[in-house]
C-alpha atoms as a PDB file:
ATOM      1  CA  UNK A   1       0.000   0.000   0.000  1.00  0.00           C
ATOM      2  CA  UNK A   2       1.423   3.384  -1.009  1.00  0.00           C
ATOM      3  CA  UNK A   3       1.179   6.385   1.234  1.00  0.00           C
ATOM      4  CA  UNK A   4      -0.224   9.431  -0.462  1.00  0.00           C
ATOM      5  CA  UNK A   5       1.841  12.593  -0.023  1.00  0.00           C
ATOM      6  CA  UNK A   6       0.303  14.857   2.544  1.00  0.00           C
ATOM      7  CA  UNK A   7      -1.287  17.961   1.160  1.00  0.00           C
ATOM      8  CA  UNK A   8      -0.091  21.112   2.865  1.00  0.00           C
ATOM      9  CA  UNK A   9      -2.783  22.966   4.743  1.00  0.00           C
ATOM     10  CA  UNK A  10      -4.185  25.918   2.853  1.00  0.00           C
ATOM     11  CA  UNK A  11      -4.473  27.813   6.135  1.00  0.00           C
ATOM     12  CA  UNK A  12      -0.716  28.387   6.161  1.00  0.00           C
ATOM     13  CA  UNK A  13      -0.960  30.851   3.288  1.00  0.00           C
ATOM     14  CA  UNK A  14      -3.668  32.807   5.071  1.00  0.00           C
ATOM     15  CA  UNK A  15      -1.619  33.007   8.273  1.00  0.00           C
ATOM     16  CA  UNK A  16       1.461  34.175   6.411  1.00  0.00           C
ATOM     17  CA  UNK A  17      -0.539  36.805   4.543  1.00  0.00           C
ATOM     18  CA  UNK A  18      -2.153  37.969   7.802  1.00  0.00           C
ATOM     19  CA  UNK A  19       1.195  38.437   9.535  1.00  0.00           C
ATOM     20  CA  UNK A  20       2.592  40.169   6.462  1.00  0.00           C
ATOM     21  CA  UNK A  21      -0.354  42.583   6.382  1.00  0.00           C
ATOM     22  CA  UNK A  22      -0.139  43.260  10.117  1.00  0.00           C
ATOM     23  CA  UNK A  23       3.569  44.117  10.001  1.00  0.00           C
ATOM     24  CA  UNK A  24       3.329  46.135   6.811  1.00  0.00           C
ATOM     25  CA  UNK A  25       0.365  48.205   7.994  1.00  0.00           C
ATOM     26  CA  UNK A  26       1.952  48.732  11.395  1.00  0.00           C
ATOM     27  CA  UNK A  27       5.106  50.136   9.858  1.00  0.00           C
ATOM     28  CA  UNK A  28       3.043  52.225   7.441  1.00  0.00           C
ATOM     29  CA  UNK A  29       1.413  53.942  10.405  1.00  0.00           C
ATOM     30  CA  UNK A  30       4.312  54.059  12.864  1.00  0.00           C
ATOM     31  CA  UNK A  31       7.137  55.346  10.672  1.00  0.00           C
ATOM     32  CA  UNK A  32       5.427  58.551   9.427  1.00  0.00           C
ATOM     33  CA  UNK A  33       3.987  59.243  12.901  1.00  0.00           C
ATOM     34  CA  UNK A  34       7.315  58.871  14.697  1.00  0.00           C
ATOM     35  CA  UNK A  35       9.166  60.887  12.050  1.00  0.00           C
ATOM     36  CA  UNK A  36       6.547  63.652  12.224  1.00  0.00           C
ATOM     37  CA  UNK A  37       6.667  63.754  16.022  1.00  0.00           C
ATOM     38  CA  UNK A  38      10.447  63.959  16.142  1.00  0.00           C
ATOM     39  CA  UNK A  39      10.694  66.573  13.397  1.00  0.00           C
ATOM     40  CA  UNK A  40       7.793  68.554  14.861  1.00  0.00           C
ATOM     41  CA  UNK A  41       9.375  68.588  18.297  1.00  0.00           C
ATOM     42  CA  UNK A  42      12.690  69.745  16.832  1.00  0.00           C
ATOM     43  CA  UNK A  43      11.057  72.545  14.814  1.00  0.00           C
ATOM     44  CA  UNK A  44       8.881  73.635  17.753  1.00  0.00           C
ATOM     45  CA  UNK A  45      11.964  73.980  19.966  1.00  0.00           C
ATOM     46  CA  UNK A  46      14.019  75.688  17.269  1.00  0.00           C
ATOM     47  CA  UNK A  47      11.401  78.315  16.391  1.00  0.00           C
ATOM     48  CA  UNK A  48       9.684  78.447  19.829  1.00  0.00           C
ATOM     49  CA  UNK A  49       6.274  77.755  18.266  1.00  0.00           C
ATOM     50  CA  UNK A  50       5.062  74.815  20.357  1.00  0.00           C
ATOM     51  CA  UNK A  51       2.792  72.898  19.460  1.00  0.00           C
ATOM     52  CA  UNK A  52       2.349  74.330  15.937  1.00  0.00           C
ATOM     53  CA  UNK A  53       4.790  72.176  13.974  1.00  0.00           C
ATOM     54  CA  UNK A  54       4.085  68.931  15.779  1.00  0.00           C
ATOM     55  CA  UNK A  55       0.354  69.266  15.115  1.00  0.00           C
ATOM     56  CA  UNK A  56       0.840  70.196  11.457  1.00  0.00           C
ATOM     57  CA  UNK A  57       3.286  67.371  10.849  1.00  0.00           C
ATOM     58  CA  UNK A  58       1.166  64.774  12.673  1.00  0.00           C
ATOM     59  CA  UNK A  59      -1.874  65.720  10.588  1.00  0.00           C
ATOM     60  CA  UNK A  60       0.308  65.428   7.484  1.00  0.00           C
ATOM     61  CA  UNK A  61       1.588  62.029   8.675  1.00  0.00           C
ATOM     62  CA  UNK A  62      -1.999  60.892   9.199  1.00  0.00           C
ATOM     63  CA  UNK A  63      -2.919  61.819   5.625  1.00  0.00           C
ATOM     64  CA  UNK A  64       0.189  60.141   4.222  1.00  0.00           C
ATOM     65  CA  UNK A  65      -0.466  56.990   6.273  1.00  0.00           C
ATOM     66  CA  UNK A  66      -4.096  56.899   5.149  1.00  0.00           C
ATOM     67  CA  UNK A  67      -3.069  57.046   1.487  1.00  0.00           C
ATOM     68  CA  UNK A  68      -0.451  54.320   1.991  1.00  0.00           C
ATOM     69  CA  UNK A  69      -2.939  52.089   3.856  1.00  0.00           C
ATOM     70  CA  UNK A  70      -5.594  52.462   1.148  1.00  0.00           C
ATOM     71  CA  UNK A  71      -3.101  51.562  -1.585  1.00  0.00           C
ATOM     72  CA  UNK A  72      -1.753  48.557   0.328  1.00  0.00           C
ATOM     73  CA  UNK A  73      -5.253  47.357   1.277  1.00  0.00           C
ATOM     74  CA  UNK A  74      -6.214  47.203  -2.391  1.00  0.00           C
ATOM     75  CA  UNK A  75      -3.029  45.299  -3.230  1.00  0.00           C
ATOM     76  CA  UNK A  76      -3.505  42.850  -0.349  1.00  0.00           C
ATOM     77  CA  UNK A  77      -7.138  42.368  -1.340  1.00  0.00           C
ATOM     78  CA  UNK A  78      -6.018  41.151  -4.757  1.00  0.00           C
ATOM     79  CA  UNK A  79      -3.362  38.957  -3.162  1.00  0.00           C
ATOM     80  CA  UNK A  80      -5.979  37.442  -0.843  1.00  0.00           C
ATOM     81  CA  UNK A  81      -8.305  36.668  -3.771  1.00  0.00           C
ATOM     82  CA  UNK A  82      -5.471  34.927  -5.615  1.00  0.00           C
ATOM     83  CA  UNK A  83      -4.421  32.834  -2.618  1.00  0.00           C
ATOM     84  CA  UNK A  84      -6.394  29.711  -3.563  1.00  0.00           C
ATOM     85  CA  UNK A  85      -5.964  29.953  -7.302  1.00  0.00           C
END
């Protein structure tokens, strides 16, 4: 009697994609926010305009992050649809 080769679980691909999305989206939010906060704090101290620059740069970081997230969500949506094909 021959043993059939075990078929790899299809759940593995979903888990890998989920972790990939989580890390990618996390960095897409954290990097612009941290950069904006650091630069805003520096500019506020340099020009004595607290909290003007930090607020402006954090709002800008929010808009940039939102655009990045929307673009990546569309790309990951297509990748998710093609997972079982």
